[in-house]
Amino acid sequence: MENWQRYADISLLKTPWTDRAGKFSPLKTAIFGGICVPALLLLNAAATGTLGPAVVGPLGARPITEAIHQTGDWAIRFLMLSLAVTPLRRILMGWRRSPTHWRT
């Protein structure tokens, strides 16, 4: 079997909540769930009409612009969290590395 075929077969079996061995990973599940939270909040705000100012209408004068702004805010939050991982790991765990999360 060629390399590309081996990787193609493996990628079909992976899910976001399993580790490389195919076992359930609570950490990956929590991260995957956390990534879905902004979309759920945005859908809830659009459904309940709290996306924009209530004076203009349930979704505001520019609902798409408001949705873009909210997703941009969440993108910056996720960027800050991802950039904070390495310094926090060094502070909390010393210089130890976590080889189970390395990509090879």
PDB file of N, CA and C in Angstrom:
ATOM      1  N   MET A   1       0.846  -1.171   0.000  1.00  0.00           N
ATOM      2  CA  MET A   1       0.000   0.000   0.000  1.00  0.00           C
ATOM      3  C   MET A   1       0.894   1.238   0.000  1.00  0.00           C
ATOM      4  N   GLU A   2       0.548   2.207  -0.824  1.00  0.00           N
ATOM      5  CA  GLU A   2       1.325   3.435  -0.901  1.00  0.00           C
ATOM      6  C   GLU A   2       0.996   4.343   0.275  1.00  0.00           C
ATOM      7  N   ASN A   3       1.889   5.319   0.524  1.00  0.00           N
ATOM      8  CA  ASN A   3       1.698   6.213   1.668  1.00  0.00           C
ATOM      9  C   ASN A   3       0.386   6.985   1.607  1.00  0.00           C
ATOM     10  N   TRP A   4       0.040   7.518   0.450  1.00  0.00           N
ATOM     11  CA  TRP A   4      -1.172   8.322   0.371  1.00  0.00           C
ATOM     12  C   TRP A   4      -2.418   7.482   0.644  1.00  0.00           C
ATOM     13  N   GLN A   5      -2.392   6.202   0.252  1.00  0.00           N
ATOM     14  CA  GLN A   5      -3.532   5.335   0.514  1.00  0.00           C
ATOM     15  C   GLN A   5      -3.657   5.035   2.004  1.00  0.00           C
ATOM     16  N   ARG A   6      -2.520   4.850   2.663  1.00  0.00           N
ATOM     17  CA  ARG A   6      -2.557   4.560   4.086  1.00  0.00           C
ATOM     18  C   ARG A   6      -3.147   5.742   4.846  1.00  0.00           C
ATOM     19  N   TYR A   7      -2.732   6.968   4.508  1.00  0.00           N
ATOM     20  CA  TYR A   7      -3.247   8.143   5.193  1.00  0.00           C
ATOM     21  C   TYR A   7      -4.702   8.399   4.845  1.00  0.00           C
ATOM     22  N   ALA A   8      -5.102   8.114   3.632  1.00  0.00           N
ATOM     23  CA  ALA A   8      -6.491   8.309   3.236  1.00  0.00           C
ATOM     24  C   ALA A   8      -7.400   7.353   4.006  1.00  0.00           C
ATOM     25  N   ASP A   9      -6.963   6.120   4.207  1.00  0.00           N
ATOM     26  CA  ASP A   9      -7.777   5.151   4.939  1.00  0.00           C
ATOM     27  C   ASP A   9      -7.893   5.523   6.411  1.00  0.00           C
ATOM     28  N   ILE A  10      -6.810   6.013   7.012  1.00  0.00           N
ATOM     29  CA  ILE A  10      -6.834   6.370   8.423  1.00  0.00           C
ATOM     30  C   ILE A  10      -7.693   7.606   8.655  1.00  0.00           C
ATOM     31  N   SER A  11      -7.629   8.587   7.765  1.00  0.00           N
ATOM     32  CA  SER A  11      -8.359   9.834   7.983  1.00  0.00           C
ATOM     33  C   SER A  11      -9.870   9.614   7.961  1.00  0.00           C
ATOM     34  N   LEU A  12     -10.348   8.577   7.300  1.00  0.00           N
ATOM     35  CA  LEU A  12     -11.778   8.317   7.274  1.00  0.00           C
ATOM     36  C   LEU A  12     -12.285   7.791   8.615  1.00  0.00           C
ATOM     37  N   LEU A  13     -11.420   7.189   9.409  1.00  0.00           N
ATOM     38  CA  LEU A  13     -11.839   6.600  10.668  1.00  0.00           C
ATOM     39  C   LEU A  13     -11.750   7.562  11.850  1.00  0.00           C
ATOM     40  N   LYS A  14     -11.066   8.696  11.690  1.00  0.00           N
ATOM     41  CA  LYS A  14     -10.861   9.614  12.797  1.00  0.00           C
ATOM     42  C   LYS A  14     -12.086  10.475  13.033  1.00  0.00           C
ATOM     43  N   THR A  15     -12.317  10.778  14.270  1.00  0.00           N
ATOM     44  CA  THR A  15     -13.350  11.714  14.670  1.00  0.00           C
ATOM     45  C   THR A  15     -12.716  12.758  15.570  1.00  0.00           C
ATOM     46  N   PRO A  16     -13.329  13.923  15.742  1.00  0.00           N
ATOM     47  CA  PRO A  16     -12.696  14.983  16.528  1.00  0.00           C
ATOM     48  C   PRO A  16     -12.535  14.650  18.008  1.00  0.00           C
ATOM     49  N   TRP A  17     -13.240  13.674  18.510  1.00  0.00           N
ATOM     50  CA  TRP A  17     -13.192  13.385  19.943  1.00  0.00           C
ATOM     51  C   TRP A  17     -12.363  12.148  20.292  1.00  0.00           C
ATOM     52  N   THR A  18     -11.610  11.614  19.329  1.00  0.00           N
ATOM     53  CA  THR A  18     -10.750  10.469  19.618  1.00  0.00           C
ATOM     54  C   THR A  18      -9.291  10.857  19.451  1.00  0.00           C
ATOM     55  N   ASP A  19      -8.408  10.141  20.146  1.00  0.00           N
ATOM     56  CA  ASP A  19      -6.985  10.384  20.000  1.00  0.00           C
ATOM     57  C   ASP A  19      -6.453   9.570  18.826  1.00  0.00           C
ATOM     58  N   ARG A  20      -5.146   9.552  18.666  1.00  0.00           N
ATOM     59  CA  ARG A  20      -4.554   8.856  17.520  1.00  0.00           C
ATOM     60  C   ARG A  20      -4.767   7.352  17.562  1.00  0.00           C
ATOM     61  N   ALA A  21      -4.924   6.823  18.758  1.00  0.00           N
ATOM     62  CA  ALA A  21      -5.147   5.388  18.880  1.00  0.00           C
ATOM     63  C   ALA A  21      -6.615   5.023  18.661  1.00  0.00           C
ATOM     64  N   GLY A  22      -7.472   6.013  18.468  1.00  0.00           N
ATOM     65  CA  GLY A  22      -8.886   5.754  18.264  1.00  0.00           C
ATOM     66  C   GLY A  22      -9.691   5.695  19.547  1.00  0.00           C
ATOM     67  N   LYS A  23      -9.054   6.006  20.686  1.00  0.00           N
ATOM     68  CA  LYS A  23      -9.754   5.980  21.969  1.00  0.00           C
ATOM     69  C   LYS A  23     -10.393   7.332  22.244  1.00  0.00           C
ATOM     70  N   PHE A  24     -11.447   7.311  23.038  1.00  0.00           N
ATOM     71  CA  PHE A  24     -12.150   8.526  23.423  1.00  0.00           C
ATOM     72  C   PHE A  24     -11.227   9.432  24.228  1.00  0.00           C
ATOM     73  N   SER A  25     -11.189  10.727  23.891  1.00  0.00           N
ATOM     74  CA  SER A  25     -10.333  11.687  24.582  1.00  0.00           C
ATOM     75  C   SER A  25     -11.205  12.781  25.195  1.00  0.00           C
ATOM     76  N   PRO A  26     -11.292  12.842  26.538  1.00  0.00           N
ATOM     77  CA  PRO A  26     -12.106  13.884  27.173  1.00  0.00           C
ATOM     78  C   PRO A  26     -11.594  15.298  26.866  1.00  0.00           C
ATOM     79  N   LEU A  27     -10.279  15.469  26.769  1.00  0.00           N
ATOM     80  CA  LEU A  27      -9.721  16.786  26.465  1.00  0.00           C
ATOM     81  C   LEU A  27     -10.147  17.254  25.075  1.00  0.00           C
ATOM     82  N   LYS A  28     -10.034  16.381  24.097  1.00  0.00           N
ATOM     83  CA  LYS A  28     -10.441  16.744  22.745  1.00  0.00           C
ATOM     84  C   LYS A  28     -11.950  16.989  22.668  1.00  0.00           C
ATOM     85  N   THR A  29     -12.720  16.236  23.421  1.00  0.00           N
ATOM     86  CA  THR A  29     -14.162  16.440  23.439  1.00  0.00           C
ATOM     87  C   THR A  29     -14.504  17.800  24.028  1.00  0.00           C
ATOM     88  N   ALA A  30     -13.831  18.181  25.114  1.00  0.00           N
ATOM     89  CA  ALA A  30     -14.079  19.481  25.735  1.00  0.00           C
ATOM     90  C   ALA A  30     -13.684  20.619  24.791  1.00  0.00           C
ATOM     91  N   ILE A  31     -12.563  20.471  24.108  1.00  0.00           N
ATOM     92  CA  ILE A  31     -12.122  21.509  23.170  1.00  0.00           C
ATOM     93  C   ILE A  31     -13.085  21.596  21.989  1.00  0.00           C
ATOM     94  N   PHE A  32     -13.500  20.465  21.461  1.00  0.00           N
ATOM     95  CA  PHE A  32     -14.446  20.455  20.348  1.00  0.00           C
ATOM     96  C   PHE A  32     -15.778  21.086  20.759  1.00  0.00           C
ATOM     97  N   GLY A  33     -16.239  20.766  21.951  1.00  0.00           N
ATOM     98  CA  GLY A  33     -17.478  21.380  22.446  1.00  0.00           C
ATOM     99  C   GLY A  33     -17.322  22.874  22.655  1.00  0.00           C
ATOM    100  N   GLY A  34     -16.158  23.290  23.160  1.00  0.00           N
ATOM    101  CA  GLY A  34     -15.915  24.708  23.368  1.00  0.00           C
ATOM    102  C   GLY A  34     -15.859  25.496  22.075  1.00  0.00           C
ATOM    103  N   ILE A  35     -15.371  24.863  21.026  1.00  0.00           N
ATOM    104  CA  ILE A  35     -15.313  25.535  19.736  1.00  0.00           C
ATOM    105  C   ILE A  35     -16.719  25.722  19.157  1.00  0.00           C
ATOM    106  N   CYS A  36     -17.626  24.830  19.492  1.00  0.00           N
ATOM    107  CA  CYS A  36     -18.994  24.923  18.975  1.00  0.00           C
ATOM    108  C   CYS A  36     -19.853  25.933  19.733  1.00  0.00           C
ATOM    109  N   VAL A  37     -19.431  26.365  20.901  1.00  0.00           N
ATOM    110  CA  VAL A  37     -20.218  27.285  21.730  1.00  0.00           C
ATOM    111  C   VAL A  37     -20.529  28.600  21.013  1.00  0.00           C
ATOM    112  N   PRO A  38     -19.560  29.281  20.367  1.00  0.00           N
ATOM    113  CA  PRO A  38     -19.908  30.543  19.711  1.00  0.00           C
ATOM    114  C   PRO A  38     -20.985  30.410  18.640  1.00  0.00           C
ATOM    115  N   ALA A  39     -20.934  29.336  17.867  1.00  0.00           N
ATOM    116  CA  ALA A  39     -21.955  29.135  16.838  1.00  0.00           C
ATOM    117  C   ALA A  39     -23.325  28.936  17.472  1.00  0.00           C
ATOM    118  N   LEU A  40     -23.370  28.185  18.561  1.00  0.00           N
ATOM    119  CA  LEU A  40     -24.648  27.975  19.245  1.00  0.00           C
ATOM    120  C   LEU A  40     -25.177  29.275  19.849  1.00  0.00           C
ATOM    121  N   LEU A  41     -24.289  30.085  20.419  1.00  0.00           N
ATOM    122  CA  LEU A  41     -24.711  31.374  20.967  1.00  0.00           C
ATOM    123  C   LEU A  41     -25.219  32.301  19.877  1.00  0.00           C
ATOM    124  N   LEU A  42     -24.556  32.304  18.737  1.00  0.00           N
ATOM    125  CA  LEU A  42     -24.987  33.141  17.624  1.00  0.00           C
ATOM    126  C   LEU A  42     -26.334  32.685  17.072  1.00  0.00           C
ATOM    127  N   LEU A  43     -26.519  31.381  16.943  1.00  0.00           N
ATOM    128  CA  LEU A  43     -27.814  30.866  16.487  1.00  0.00           C
ATOM    129  C   LEU A  43     -28.918  31.185  17.484  1.00  0.00           C
ATOM    130  N   ASN A  44     -28.616  31.082  18.772  1.00  0.00           N
ATOM    131  CA  ASN A  44     -29.601  31.412  19.801  1.00  0.00           C
ATOM    132  C   ASN A  44     -29.964  32.892  19.746  1.00  0.00           C
ATOM    133  N   ALA A  45     -28.956  33.752  19.579  1.00  0.00           N
ATOM    134  CA  ALA A  45     -29.229  35.188  19.508  1.00  0.00           C
ATOM    135  C   ALA A  45     -30.068  35.522  18.281  1.00  0.00           C
ATOM    136  N   ALA A  46     -29.800  34.869  17.161  1.00  0.00           N
ATOM    137  CA  ALA A  46     -30.587  35.109  15.955  1.00  0.00           C
ATOM    138  C   ALA A  46     -32.017  34.594  16.115  1.00  0.00           C
ATOM    139  N   ALA A  47     -32.178  33.470  16.786  1.00  0.00           N
ATOM    140  CA  ALA A  47     -33.514  32.884  16.957  1.00  0.00           C
ATOM    141  C   ALA A  47     -34.363  33.668  17.948  1.00  0.00           C
ATOM    142  N   THR A  48     -33.734  34.176  19.006  1.00  0.00           N
ATOM    143  CA  THR A  48     -34.500  34.899  20.030  1.00  0.00           C
ATOM    144  C   THR A  48     -34.594  36.385  19.751  1.00  0.00           C
ATOM    145  N   GLY A  49     -33.854  36.883  18.762  1.00  0.00           N
ATOM    146  CA  GLY A  49     -33.932  38.289  18.405  1.00  0.00           C
ATOM    147  C   GLY A  49     -33.080  39.194  19.264  1.00  0.00           C
ATOM    148  N   THR A  50     -32.064  38.660  19.916  1.00  0.00           N
ATOM    149  CA  THR A  50     -31.203  39.482  20.752  1.00  0.00           C
ATOM    150  C   THR A  50     -29.862  39.755  20.089  1.00  0.00           C
ATOM    151  N   LEU A  51     -29.797  39.614  18.785  1.00  0.00           N
ATOM    152  CA  LEU A  51     -28.535  39.809  18.076  1.00  0.00           C
ATOM    153  C   LEU A  51     -28.180  41.284  17.939  1.00  0.00           C
ATOM    154  N   GLY A  52     -29.151  42.133  17.766  1.00  0.00           N
ATOM    155  CA  GLY A  52     -28.898  43.557  17.600  1.00  0.00           C
ATOM    156  C   GLY A  52     -29.780  44.383  18.508  1.00  0.00           C
ATOM    157  N   PRO A  53     -29.757  45.703  18.339  1.00  0.00           N
ATOM    158  CA  PRO A  53     -30.603  46.559  19.173  1.00  0.00           C
ATOM    159  C   PRO A  53     -32.078  46.312  18.887  1.00  0.00           C
ATOM    160  N   ALA A  54     -32.869  46.291  19.921  1.00  0.00           N
ATOM    161  CA  ALA A  54     -34.289  45.970  19.784  1.00  0.00           C
ATOM    162  C   ALA A  54     -35.083  47.122  19.194  1.00  0.00           C
ATOM    163  N   VAL A  55     -34.525  48.326  19.145  1.00  0.00           N
ATOM    164  CA  VAL A  55     -35.246  49.474  18.615  1.00  0.00           C
ATOM    165  C   VAL A  55     -35.497  49.322  17.120  1.00  0.00           C
ATOM    166  N   VAL A  56     -34.523  48.804  16.405  1.00  0.00           N
ATOM    167  CA  VAL A  56     -34.617  48.696  14.958  1.00  0.00           C
ATOM    168  C   VAL A  56     -35.365  47.437  14.528  1.00  0.00           C
ATOM    169  N   GLY A  57     -35.287  46.414  15.283  1.00  0.00           N
ATOM    170  CA  GLY A  57     -35.921  45.146  14.954  1.00  0.00           C
ATOM    171  C   GLY A  57     -35.262  44.042  15.754  1.00  0.00           C
ATOM    172  N   PRO A  58     -35.787  42.838  15.654  1.00  0.00           N
ATOM    173  CA  PRO A  58     -35.229  41.759  16.470  1.00  0.00           C
ATOM    174  C   PRO A  58     -33.773  41.427  16.145  1.00  0.00           C
ATOM    175  N   LEU A  59     -33.353  41.635  14.905  1.00  0.00           N
ATOM    176  CA  LEU A  59     -31.969  41.329  14.545  1.00  0.00           C
ATOM    177  C   LEU A  59     -31.130  42.571  14.326  1.00  0.00           C
ATOM    178  N   GLY A  60     -31.699  43.724  14.539  1.00  0.00           N
ATOM    179  CA  GLY A  60     -30.957  44.956  14.333  1.00  0.00           C
ATOM    180  C   GLY A  60     -31.044  45.396  12.887  1.00  0.00           C
ATOM    181  N   ALA A  61     -30.480  46.563  12.607  1.00  0.00           N
ATOM    182  CA  ALA A  61     -30.534  47.101  11.256  1.00  0.00           C
ATOM    183  C   ALA A  61     -29.639  46.323  10.314  1.00  0.00           C
ATOM    184  N   ARG A  62     -28.540  45.805  10.843  1.00  0.00           N
ATOM    185  CA  ARG A  62     -27.587  45.052  10.028  1.00  0.00           C
ATOM    186  C   ARG A  62     -27.247  43.736  10.734  1.00  0.00           C
ATOM    187  N   PRO A  63     -28.111  42.745  10.618  1.00  0.00           N
ATOM    188  CA  PRO A  63     -27.882  41.494  11.353  1.00  0.00           C
ATOM    189  C   PRO A  63     -26.636  40.742  10.884  1.00  0.00           C
ATOM    190  N   ILE A  64     -26.330  40.787   9.593  1.00  0.00           N
ATOM    191  CA  ILE A  64     -25.151  40.076   9.100  1.00  0.00           C
ATOM    192  C   ILE A  64     -23.883  40.743   9.623  1.00  0.00           C
ATOM    193  N   THR A  65     -23.873  42.075   9.657  1.00  0.00           N
ATOM    194  CA  THR A  65     -22.720  42.795  10.193  1.00  0.00           C
ATOM    195  C   THR A  65     -22.536  42.470  11.668  1.00  0.00           C
ATOM    196  N   GLU A  66     -23.624  42.400  12.406  1.00  0.00           N
ATOM    197  CA  GLU A  66     -23.539  42.054  13.831  1.00  0.00           C
ATOM    198  C   GLU A  66     -23.003  40.637  14.021  1.00  0.00           C
ATOM    199  N   ALA A  67     -23.442  39.705  13.175  1.00  0.00           N
ATOM    200  CA  ALA A  67     -22.942  38.328  13.256  1.00  0.00           C
ATOM    201  C   ALA A  67     -21.452  38.270  12.926  1.00  0.00           C
ATOM    202  N   ILE A  68     -21.023  39.042  11.937  1.00  0.00           N
ATOM    203  CA  ILE A  68     -19.602  39.078  11.588  1.00  0.00           C
ATOM    204  C   ILE A  68     -18.790  39.637  12.750  1.00  0.00           C
ATOM    205  N   HIS A  69     -19.293  40.677  13.391  1.00  0.00           N
ATOM    206  CA  HIS A  69     -18.580  41.253  14.529  1.00  0.00           C
ATOM    207  C   HIS A  69     -18.472  40.265  15.688  1.00  0.00           C
ATOM    208  N   GLN A  70     -19.554  39.556  15.945  1.00  0.00           N
ATOM    209  CA  GLN A  70     -19.518  38.584  17.043  1.00  0.00           C
ATOM    210  C   GLN A  70     -18.568  37.426  16.740  1.00  0.00           C
ATOM    211  N   THR A  71     -18.564  36.941  15.512  1.00  0.00           N
ATOM    212  CA  THR A  71     -17.630  35.852  15.179  1.00  0.00           C
ATOM    213  C   THR A  71     -16.187  36.348  15.210  1.00  0.00           C
ATOM    214  N   GLY A  72     -15.967  37.601  14.841  1.00  0.00           N
ATOM    215  CA  GLY A  72     -14.623  38.176  14.948  1.00  0.00           C
ATOM    216  C   GLY A  72     -14.167  38.289  16.390  1.00  0.00           C
ATOM    217  N   ASP A  73     -15.080  38.670  17.279  1.00  0.00           N
ATOM    218  CA  ASP A  73     -14.753  38.722  18.709  1.00  0.00           C
ATOM    219  C   ASP A  73     -14.355  37.342  19.224  1.00  0.00           C
ATOM    220  N   TRP A  74     -15.110  36.326  18.815  1.00  0.00           N
ATOM    221  CA  TRP A  74     -14.775  34.969  19.249  1.00  0.00           C
ATOM    222  C   TRP A  74     -13.460  34.498  18.647  1.00  0.00           C
ATOM    223  N   ALA A  75     -13.161  34.905  17.428  1.00  0.00           N
ATOM    224  CA  ALA A  75     -11.890  34.531  16.810  1.00  0.00           C
ATOM    225  C   ALA A  75     -10.722  35.116  17.598  1.00  0.00           C
ATOM    226  N   ILE A  76     -10.866  36.354  18.045  1.00  0.00           N
ATOM    227  CA  ILE A  76      -9.801  36.968  18.847  1.00  0.00           C
ATOM    228  C   ILE A  76      -9.683  36.274  20.195  1.00  0.00           C
ATOM    229  N   ARG A  77     -10.803  35.902  20.800  1.00  0.00           N
ATOM    230  CA  ARG A  77     -10.745  35.169  22.074  1.00  0.00           C
ATOM    231  C   ARG A  77     -10.018  33.831  21.914  1.00  0.00           C
ATOM    232  N   PHE A  78     -10.344  33.092  20.845  1.00  0.00           N
ATOM    233  CA  PHE A  78      -9.683  31.812  20.611  1.00  0.00           C
ATOM    234  C   PHE A  78      -8.201  32.003  20.301  1.00  0.00           C
ATOM    235  N   LEU A  79      -7.870  33.067  19.586  1.00  0.00           N
ATOM    236  CA  LEU A  79      -6.462  33.356  19.302  1.00  0.00           C
ATOM    237  C   LEU A  79      -5.701  33.622  20.594  1.00  0.00           C
ATOM    238  N   MET A  80      -6.274  34.431  21.479  1.00  0.00           N
ATOM    239  CA  MET A  80      -5.616  34.725  22.757  1.00  0.00           C
ATOM    240  C   MET A  80      -5.467  33.465  23.610  1.00  0.00           C
ATOM    241  N   LEU A  81      -6.486  32.627  23.632  1.00  0.00           N
ATOM    242  CA  LEU A  81      -6.394  31.378  24.391  1.00  0.00           C
ATOM    243  C   LEU A  81      -5.315  30.464  23.822  1.00  0.00           C
ATOM    244  N   SER A  82      -5.255  30.355  22.503  1.00  0.00           N
ATOM    245  CA  SER A  82      -4.257  29.471  21.915  1.00  0.00           C
ATOM    246  C   SER A  82      -2.847  30.011  22.103  1.00  0.00           C
ATOM    247  N   LEU A  83      -2.680  31.333  22.087  1.00  0.00           N
ATOM    248  CA  LEU A  83      -1.361  31.908  22.334  1.00  0.00           C
ATOM    249  C   LEU A  83      -0.950  31.813  23.793  1.00  0.00           C
ATOM    250  N   ALA A  84      -1.916  31.697  24.691  1.00  0.00           N
ATOM    251  CA  ALA A  84      -1.609  31.614  26.119  1.00  0.00           C
ATOM    252  C   ALA A  84      -1.255  30.196  26.557  1.00  0.00           C
ATOM    253  N   VAL A  85      -1.444  29.208  25.717  1.00  0.00           N
ATOM    254  CA  VAL A  85      -1.204  27.821  26.118  1.00  0.00           C
ATOM    255  C   VAL A  85       0.264  27.575  26.461  1.00  0.00           C
ATOM    256  N   THR A  86       1.174  28.005  25.599  1.00  0.00           N
ATOM    257  CA  THR A  86       2.596  27.730  25.834  1.00  0.00           C
ATOM    258  C   THR A  86       3.122  28.425  27.088  1.00  0.00           C
ATOM    259  N   PRO A  87       2.876  29.719  27.303  1.00  0.00           N
ATOM    260  CA  PRO A  87       3.364  30.328  28.544  1.00  0.00           C
ATOM    261  C   PRO A  87       2.753  29.707  29.798  1.00  0.00           C
ATOM    262  N   LEU A  88       1.466  29.392  29.744  1.00  0.00           N
ATOM    263  CA  LEU A  88       0.841  28.764  30.911  1.00  0.00           C
ATOM    264  C   LEU A  88       1.410  27.379  31.171  1.00  0.00           C
ATOM    265  N   ARG A  89       1.675  26.647  30.104  1.00  0.00           N
ATOM    266  CA  ARG A  89       2.267  25.320  30.282  1.00  0.00           C
ATOM    267  C   ARG A  89       3.643  25.425  30.912  1.00  0.00           C
ATOM    268  N   ARG A  90       4.420  26.408  30.476  1.00  0.00           N
ATOM    269  CA  ARG A  90       5.751  26.586  31.041  1.00  0.00           C
ATOM    270  C   ARG A  90       5.689  27.014  32.494  1.00  0.00           C
ATOM    271  N   ILE A  91       4.715  27.835  32.841  1.00  0.00           N
ATOM    272  CA  ILE A  91       4.573  28.285  34.229  1.00  0.00           C
ATOM    273  C   ILE A  91       4.082  27.152  35.121  1.00  0.00           C
ATOM    274  N   LEU A  92       3.062  26.455  34.675  1.00  0.00           N
ATOM    275  CA  LEU A  92       2.425  25.433  35.508  1.00  0.00           C
ATOM    276  C   LEU A  92       3.164  24.101  35.511  1.00  0.00           C
ATOM    277  N   MET A  93       3.753  23.728  34.382  1.00  0.00           N
ATOM    278  CA  MET A  93       4.366  22.414  34.272  1.00  0.00           C
ATOM    279  C   MET A  93       5.883  22.480  34.185  1.00  0.00           C
ATOM    280  N   GLY A  94       6.466  23.650  34.269  1.00  0.00           N
ATOM    281  CA  GLY A  94       7.903  23.758  34.094  1.00  0.00           C
ATOM    282  C   GLY A  94       8.241  23.607  32.624  1.00  0.00           C
ATOM    283  N   TRP A  95       9.382  23.035  32.318  1.00  0.00           N
ATOM    284  CA  TRP A  95       9.799  22.866  30.946  1.00  0.00           C
ATOM    285  C   TRP A  95       9.423  21.506  30.382  1.00  0.00           C
ATOM    286  N   ARG A  96       8.656  20.733  31.127  1.00  0.00           N
ATOM    287  CA  ARG A  96       8.224  19.432  30.598  1.00  0.00           C
ATOM    288  C   ARG A  96       7.372  19.639  29.361  1.00  0.00           C
ATOM    289  N   ARG A  97       7.488  18.725  28.476  1.00  0.00           N
ATOM    290  CA  ARG A  97       6.682  18.783  27.264  1.00  0.00           C
ATOM    291  C   ARG A  97       5.663  17.656  27.287  1.00  0.00           C
ATOM    292  N   SER A  98       4.636  17.820  26.526  1.00  0.00           N
ATOM    293  CA  SER A  98       3.591  16.825  26.461  1.00  0.00           C
ATOM    294  C   SER A  98       3.703  16.061  25.142  1.00  0.00           C
ATOM    295  N   PRO A  99       4.428  14.958  25.108  1.00  0.00           N
ATOM    296  CA  PRO A  99       4.645  14.267  23.831  1.00  0.00           C
ATOM    297  C   PRO A  99       3.393  13.649  23.243  1.00  0.00           C
ATOM    298  N   THR A 100       2.326  13.465  24.032  1.00  0.00           N
ATOM    299  CA  THR A 100       1.125  12.851  23.479  1.00  0.00           C
ATOM    300  C   THR A 100       0.378  13.802  22.549  1.00  0.00           C
ATOM    301  N   HIS A 101       0.673  15.099  22.620  1.00  0.00           N
ATOM    302  CA  HIS A 101      -0.029  16.053  21.785  1.00  0.00           C
ATOM    303  C   HIS A 101       0.846  16.568  20.645  1.00  0.00           C
ATOM    304  N   TRP A 102       2.061  16.044  20.493  1.00  0.00           N
ATOM    305  CA  TRP A 102       2.937  16.460  19.403  1.00  0.00           C
ATOM    306  C   TRP A 102       2.458  15.873  18.093  1.00  0.00           C
ATOM    307  N   ARG A 103       2.720  16.591  17.048  1.00  0.00           N
ATOM    308  CA  ARG A 103       2.459  16.072  15.700  1.00  0.00           C
ATOM    309  C   ARG A 103       3.776  15.521  15.158  1.00  0.00           C
ATOM    310  N   THR A 104       3.740  14.383  14.537  1.00  0.00           N
ATOM    311  CA  THR A 104       4.956  13.822  13.955  1.00  0.00           C
ATOM    312  C   THR A 104       4.869  13.808  12.450  1.00  0.00           C
TER     313      THR A 104
END
